Amino acid sequence: MNGDHFLGRARELWVEAAGAAVEFPGTGEVNVVVSPGSQLCPPAWAGVVLLGGAGIATAPNARDAELLADAVRKAAPASGLVDAGGLLGALPVVDVLGPASLLYLDRAAFLPHDGAAAVEEVARDGAELAALLDRVGAADADESGLADVTSPVFVVREGVHVVAAAGYQLWPRSVAQHGVLVAPGSRGRGLARTVASAAVAHALAAGLLPQWRARPEPSKRVALALGFREVGSQVSVRLGVEGQAAGVR
């Protein structure tokens, strides 16, 4: 699988999620459509996905679509490229989710990482994963996405406790959305890369396209170490009126 091929598959996924007739335009452009049922963002929010230098955006109503289209025009620098940060600066944003980096993996570029710790496979609905999610707190648990995985869960234990876990959720278009979580006291030892490597190998063996959405920088570093390539970003915004302050999450 070459980079052009996985970019095409990734774009197909997000076009389907947009829930309206839209396509990725030429480099430096963003197509904006009204789509109240879009899965690019929470209900009543606007969503933007940028991949390979082009983007699609959905808005819940015509007024927000006009704001997005105007922001795209203002945010494009001389090079013609639009970035999520530039868009946010050109919009009356009252709440933000992201931006999150979007990374994908070409099978030939995969860099497996065995590590020194033994990896076990456990059920996704087992008590061991639930205990780890409870221990790390709601924010880290939500960021990991592990509560929603559909794959087996790959874990490392210390004693009787699971301290690192990874898995993926099967998305449309045969995309595997990956998540990883390490207990706070066990971070910085390469355990995230160890368990994530096992989950990625499982997805590749099933013929899936591994996807990694990363907001925290440490999460992105894990993906890059495994051979993922960053090709875009996703951001969701709730729009207000001019002069309202944004809250970033």
Protein backbone atom coordinates (compact mmCIF):
# COMPACT_ATOMS: atom_id res chain seq x y z
CA MET A 1 0.00 0.00 0.00
CA ASN A 2 1.52 3.32 -1.00
CA GLY A 3 0.82 6.69 0.57
CA ASP A 4 -1.47 7.83 -2.25
CA HIS A 5 -3.58 4.72 -1.78
CA PHE A 6 -4.05 5.09 1.96
CA LEU A 7 -4.78 8.80 1.55
CA GLY A 8 -7.56 7.86 -0.86
CA ARG A 9 -8.99 5.34 1.60
CA ALA A 10 -8.81 7.85 4.43
CA ARG A 11 -10.62 10.46 2.37
CA GLU A 12 -13.35 7.96 1.49
CA LEU A 13 -13.90 7.36 5.21
CA TRP A 14 -14.32 11.04 6.06
CA VAL A 15 -16.52 11.74 3.02
CA GLU A 16 -18.85 8.97 4.22
CA ALA A 17 -18.79 10.41 7.74
CA ALA A 18 -19.76 13.86 6.42
CA GLY A 19 -23.26 12.58 5.72
CA ALA A 20 -23.74 14.82 2.66
CA ALA A 21 -22.62 15.05 -0.95
CA VAL A 22 -19.08 16.42 -0.68
CA GLU A 23 -15.61 15.55 -1.96
CA PHE A 24 -12.07 16.60 -1.24
CA PRO A 25 -11.11 19.43 -3.62
CA GLY A 26 -7.74 20.46 -4.99
CA THR A 27 -4.76 21.27 -2.78
CA GLY A 28 -5.29 24.36 -0.64
CA GLU A 29 -9.09 24.23 -0.87
CA VAL A 30 -11.84 23.18 1.53
CA ASN A 31 -15.34 22.21 0.41
CA VAL A 32 -18.06 23.26 2.90
CA VAL A 33 -21.53 21.67 3.04
CA VAL A 34 -24.56 21.81 5.32
CA SER A 35 -24.99 18.45 7.07
CA PRO A 36 -26.89 18.37 10.39
CA GLY A 37 -26.20 14.63 10.69
CA SER A 38 -22.44 14.87 10.10
CA GLN A 39 -20.17 12.52 12.04
CA LEU A 40 -17.18 14.83 11.63
CA CYS A 41 -18.28 16.57 14.83
CA PRO A 42 -20.83 16.48 17.68
CA PRO A 43 -24.45 17.39 16.85
CA ALA A 44 -25.00 21.12 16.16
CA TRP A 45 -21.24 21.69 15.79
CA ALA A 46 -19.14 22.31 12.68
CA GLY A 47 -16.43 19.85 11.69
CA VAL A 48 -13.35 20.16 9.51
CA VAL A 49 -11.07 17.38 8.23
CA LEU A 50 -7.89 18.28 6.36
CA LEU A 51 -6.06 15.49 4.52
CA GLY A 52 -3.19 15.82 2.10
CA GLY A 53 -3.47 19.60 1.85
CA ALA A 54 -7.22 19.69 1.07
CA GLY A 55 -10.27 19.53 3.27
CA ILE A 56 -13.97 19.01 3.76
CA ALA A 57 -16.12 20.80 6.33
CA THR A 58 -19.66 20.30 7.54
CA ALA A 59 -21.94 22.78 9.28
CA PRO A 60 -25.28 22.22 11.01
CA ASN A 61 -27.00 25.10 9.18
CA ALA A 62 -26.55 27.58 6.32
CA ARG A 63 -25.38 30.41 8.58
CA ASP A 64 -22.50 28.35 10.02
CA ALA A 65 -21.62 27.08 6.53
CA GLU A 66 -21.21 30.70 5.40
CA LEU A 67 -18.97 31.43 8.39
CA LEU A 68 -16.82 28.38 7.59
CA ALA A 69 -16.51 29.26 3.92
CA ASP A 70 -15.48 32.81 4.82
CA ALA A 71 -12.93 31.50 7.35
CA VAL A 72 -11.40 29.22 4.71
CA ARG A 73 -10.84 32.20 2.45
CA LYS A 74 -9.22 34.20 5.27
CA ALA A 75 -7.08 31.34 6.60
CA ALA A 76 -5.35 30.34 3.36
CA PRO A 77 -1.82 31.83 3.24
CA ALA A 78 0.05 32.69 0.07
CA SER A 79 0.92 29.01 -0.42
CA GLY A 80 -2.78 28.18 -0.68
CA LEU A 81 -2.65 25.68 2.20
CA VAL A 82 -5.19 25.84 5.00
CA ASP A 83 -4.36 24.63 8.52
CA ALA A 84 -6.69 24.03 11.46
CA GLY A 85 -5.03 26.71 13.57
CA GLY A 86 -5.61 29.33 10.91
CA LEU A 87 -9.25 28.36 10.60
CA LEU A 88 -9.83 28.67 14.34
CA GLY A 89 -8.39 32.16 14.31
CA ALA A 90 -10.85 33.22 11.61
CA LEU A 91 -14.02 31.89 13.27
CA PRO A 92 -16.26 33.06 16.16
CA VAL A 93 -15.59 29.91 18.19
CA VAL A 94 -17.17 29.31 21.61
CA ASP A 95 -15.97 25.71 22.09
CA VAL A 96 -13.40 23.50 20.40
CA LEU A 97 -12.55 19.79 20.23
CA GLY A 98 -9.04 19.40 18.83
CA PRO A 99 -7.30 19.92 16.59
CA ALA A 100 -6.28 16.27 16.45
CA SER A 101 -3.57 15.01 14.12
CA LEU A 102 -4.62 12.28 11.69
CA LEU A 103 -2.01 9.62 11.03
CA TYR A 104 -2.15 6.50 8.86
CA LEU A 105 0.10 3.51 8.36
CA ASP A 106 1.35 1.91 5.20
CA ARG A 107 1.93 -1.83 5.83
CA ALA A 108 5.43 -1.61 4.35
CA ALA A 109 6.30 1.25 6.71
CA PHE A 110 5.26 -0.56 9.92
CA LEU A 111 7.99 -0.60 12.56
CA PRO A 112 7.02 -3.35 15.03
CA HIS A 113 8.14 -2.93 18.62
CA ASP A 114 8.33 -6.02 20.80
CA GLY A 115 9.87 -4.45 23.91
CA ALA A 116 10.95 -6.32 26.99
CA ALA A 117 7.47 -6.63 28.52
CA ALA A 118 5.26 -9.60 27.71
CA VAL A 119 2.04 -8.74 25.85
CA GLU A 120 -1.18 -10.64 26.51
CA GLU A 121 -4.47 -10.62 24.64
CA VAL A 122 -7.62 -10.14 26.75
CA ALA A 123 -11.31 -9.62 26.08
CA ARG A 124 -12.39 -6.05 25.38
CA ASP A 125 -15.30 -6.33 27.83
CA GLY A 126 -13.25 -7.84 30.65
CA ALA A 127 -12.83 -6.51 34.16
CA GLU A 128 -9.09 -5.91 33.68
CA LEU A 129 -9.53 -3.20 31.05
CA ALA A 130 -12.36 -1.64 33.03
CA ALA A 131 -10.13 -1.47 36.10
CA LEU A 132 -7.38 0.34 34.14
CA LEU A 133 -9.89 2.84 32.73
CA ASP A 134 -11.17 3.54 36.22
CA ARG A 135 -7.66 4.03 37.60
CA VAL A 136 -6.53 6.63 35.06
CA GLY A 137 -9.53 8.93 35.38
CA ALA A 138 -12.22 10.05 32.95
CA ALA A 139 -10.13 12.45 30.86
CA ASP A 140 -7.36 9.96 30.00
CA ALA A 141 -9.87 7.13 29.55
CA ASP A 142 -11.95 9.18 27.09
CA GLU A 143 -8.86 10.31 25.18
CA SER A 144 -7.72 6.70 24.72
CA GLY A 145 -11.00 5.53 23.17
CA LEU A 146 -10.44 2.08 24.64
CA ALA A 147 -13.96 1.86 26.02
CA ASP A 148 -15.19 1.63 22.42
CA VAL A 149 -12.74 -0.86 20.91
CA THR A 150 -14.10 -3.77 18.89
CA SER A 151 -10.80 -5.65 18.66
CA PRO A 152 -9.15 -7.82 21.28
CA VAL A 153 -7.21 -5.76 23.81
CA PHE A 154 -3.44 -6.17 24.06
CA VAL A 155 -2.09 -5.57 27.56
CA VAL A 156 1.01 -5.56 29.74
CA ARG A 157 0.75 -6.47 33.41
CA GLU A 158 2.75 -5.58 36.46
CA GLY A 159 1.90 -8.13 39.08
CA VAL A 160 -1.85 -8.68 38.92
CA HIS A 161 -2.65 -5.28 37.44
CA VAL A 162 -2.91 -4.30 33.79
CA VAL A 163 -0.79 -1.15 33.38
CA ALA A 164 -0.87 -0.71 29.58
CA ALA A 165 -3.50 -1.55 26.99
CA ALA A 166 -4.18 -0.98 23.29
CA GLY A 167 -6.80 -1.95 20.75
CA TYR A 168 -8.85 -0.52 17.91
CA GLN A 169 -12.40 0.23 16.89
CA LEU A 170 -13.51 -0.93 13.45
CA TRP A 171 -14.70 2.07 11.47
CA PRO A 172 -16.33 2.14 8.01
CA ARG A 173 -14.17 1.61 4.92
CA SER A 174 -12.11 -1.05 6.77
CA VAL A 175 -10.37 1.54 8.94
CA ALA A 176 -9.02 0.57 12.36
CA GLN A 177 -9.11 3.52 14.77
CA HIS A 178 -6.41 2.81 17.37
CA GLY A 179 -6.24 3.70 21.04
CA VAL A 180 -3.64 3.17 23.74
CA LEU A 181 -3.48 3.82 27.47
CA VAL A 182 -0.78 3.46 30.11
CA ALA A 183 -1.29 3.88 33.86
CA PRO A 184 0.34 7.12 35.13
CA GLY A 185 2.95 5.37 37.27
CA SER A 186 4.11 3.20 34.36
CA ARG A 187 4.63 5.83 31.66
CA GLY A 188 7.91 6.73 30.01
CA ARG A 189 9.08 3.12 29.65
CA GLY A 190 7.94 2.32 26.10
CA LEU A 191 4.90 0.31 27.17
CA ALA A 192 2.54 2.33 24.96
CA ARG A 193 4.60 1.45 21.89
CA THR A 194 4.75 -2.22 22.94
CA VAL A 195 1.00 -2.75 23.29
CA ALA A 196 0.12 -0.48 20.36
CA SER A 197 2.48 -2.45 18.12
CA ALA A 198 0.57 -5.64 18.91
CA ALA A 199 -2.77 -3.98 18.14
CA VAL A 200 -1.49 -2.53 14.86
CA ALA A 201 -0.10 -5.91 13.78
CA HIS A 202 -3.52 -7.44 14.46
CA ALA A 203 -5.25 -4.80 12.32
CA LEU A 204 -2.82 -5.19 9.44
CA ALA A 205 -3.25 -8.96 9.51
CA ALA A 206 -6.99 -8.39 9.09
CA GLY A 207 -6.43 -6.20 6.03
CA LEU A 208 -7.46 -2.98 7.80
CA LEU A 209 -6.08 0.54 7.43
CA PRO A 210 -4.63 1.66 10.79
CA GLN A 211 -5.68 5.18 11.78
CA TRP A 212 -4.37 7.19 14.74
CA ARG A 213 -6.03 10.39 15.96
CA ALA A 214 -3.73 12.22 18.36
CA ARG A 215 -4.24 15.38 20.36
CA PRO A 216 -1.55 14.92 23.05
CA GLU A 217 1.98 15.09 21.67
CA PRO A 218 3.09 11.84 23.45
CA SER A 219 0.34 9.96 21.61
CA LYS A 220 1.59 11.26 18.27
CA ARG A 221 5.15 10.22 19.15
CA VAL A 222 4.00 6.65 19.74
CA ALA A 223 2.32 6.54 16.33
CA LEU A 224 5.31 8.03 14.52
CA ALA A 225 7.63 5.52 16.20
CA LEU A 226 5.52 2.70 14.75
CA GLY A 227 5.76 4.09 11.21
CA PHE A 228 2.53 6.08 11.00
CA ARG A 229 2.61 9.16 8.80
CA GLU A 230 0.80 12.37 9.71
CA VAL A 231 -1.28 13.49 6.71
CA GLY A 232 -3.85 15.85 8.18
CA SER A 233 -5.96 16.98 11.09
CA GLN A 234 -9.50 17.12 12.41
CA VAL A 235 -11.18 19.83 14.46
CA SER A 236 -14.74 20.35 15.71
CA VAL A 237 -16.05 23.78 16.68
CA ARG A 238 -19.22 25.22 18.15
CA LEU A 239 -19.79 28.58 16.57
CA GLY A 240 -21.27 31.66 18.20
CA VAL A 241 -21.21 35.32 17.28
CA GLU A 242 -18.27 37.67 16.88
CA GLY A 243 -16.60 38.52 20.18
CA GLN A 244 -17.35 35.30 22.06
CA ALA A 245 -14.33 33.60 23.67
CA ALA A 246 -13.32 30.04 22.84
CA GLY A 247 -12.81 27.15 25.23
CA VAL A 248 -10.44 24.49 23.89
CA ARG A 249 -10.77 20.80 24.82
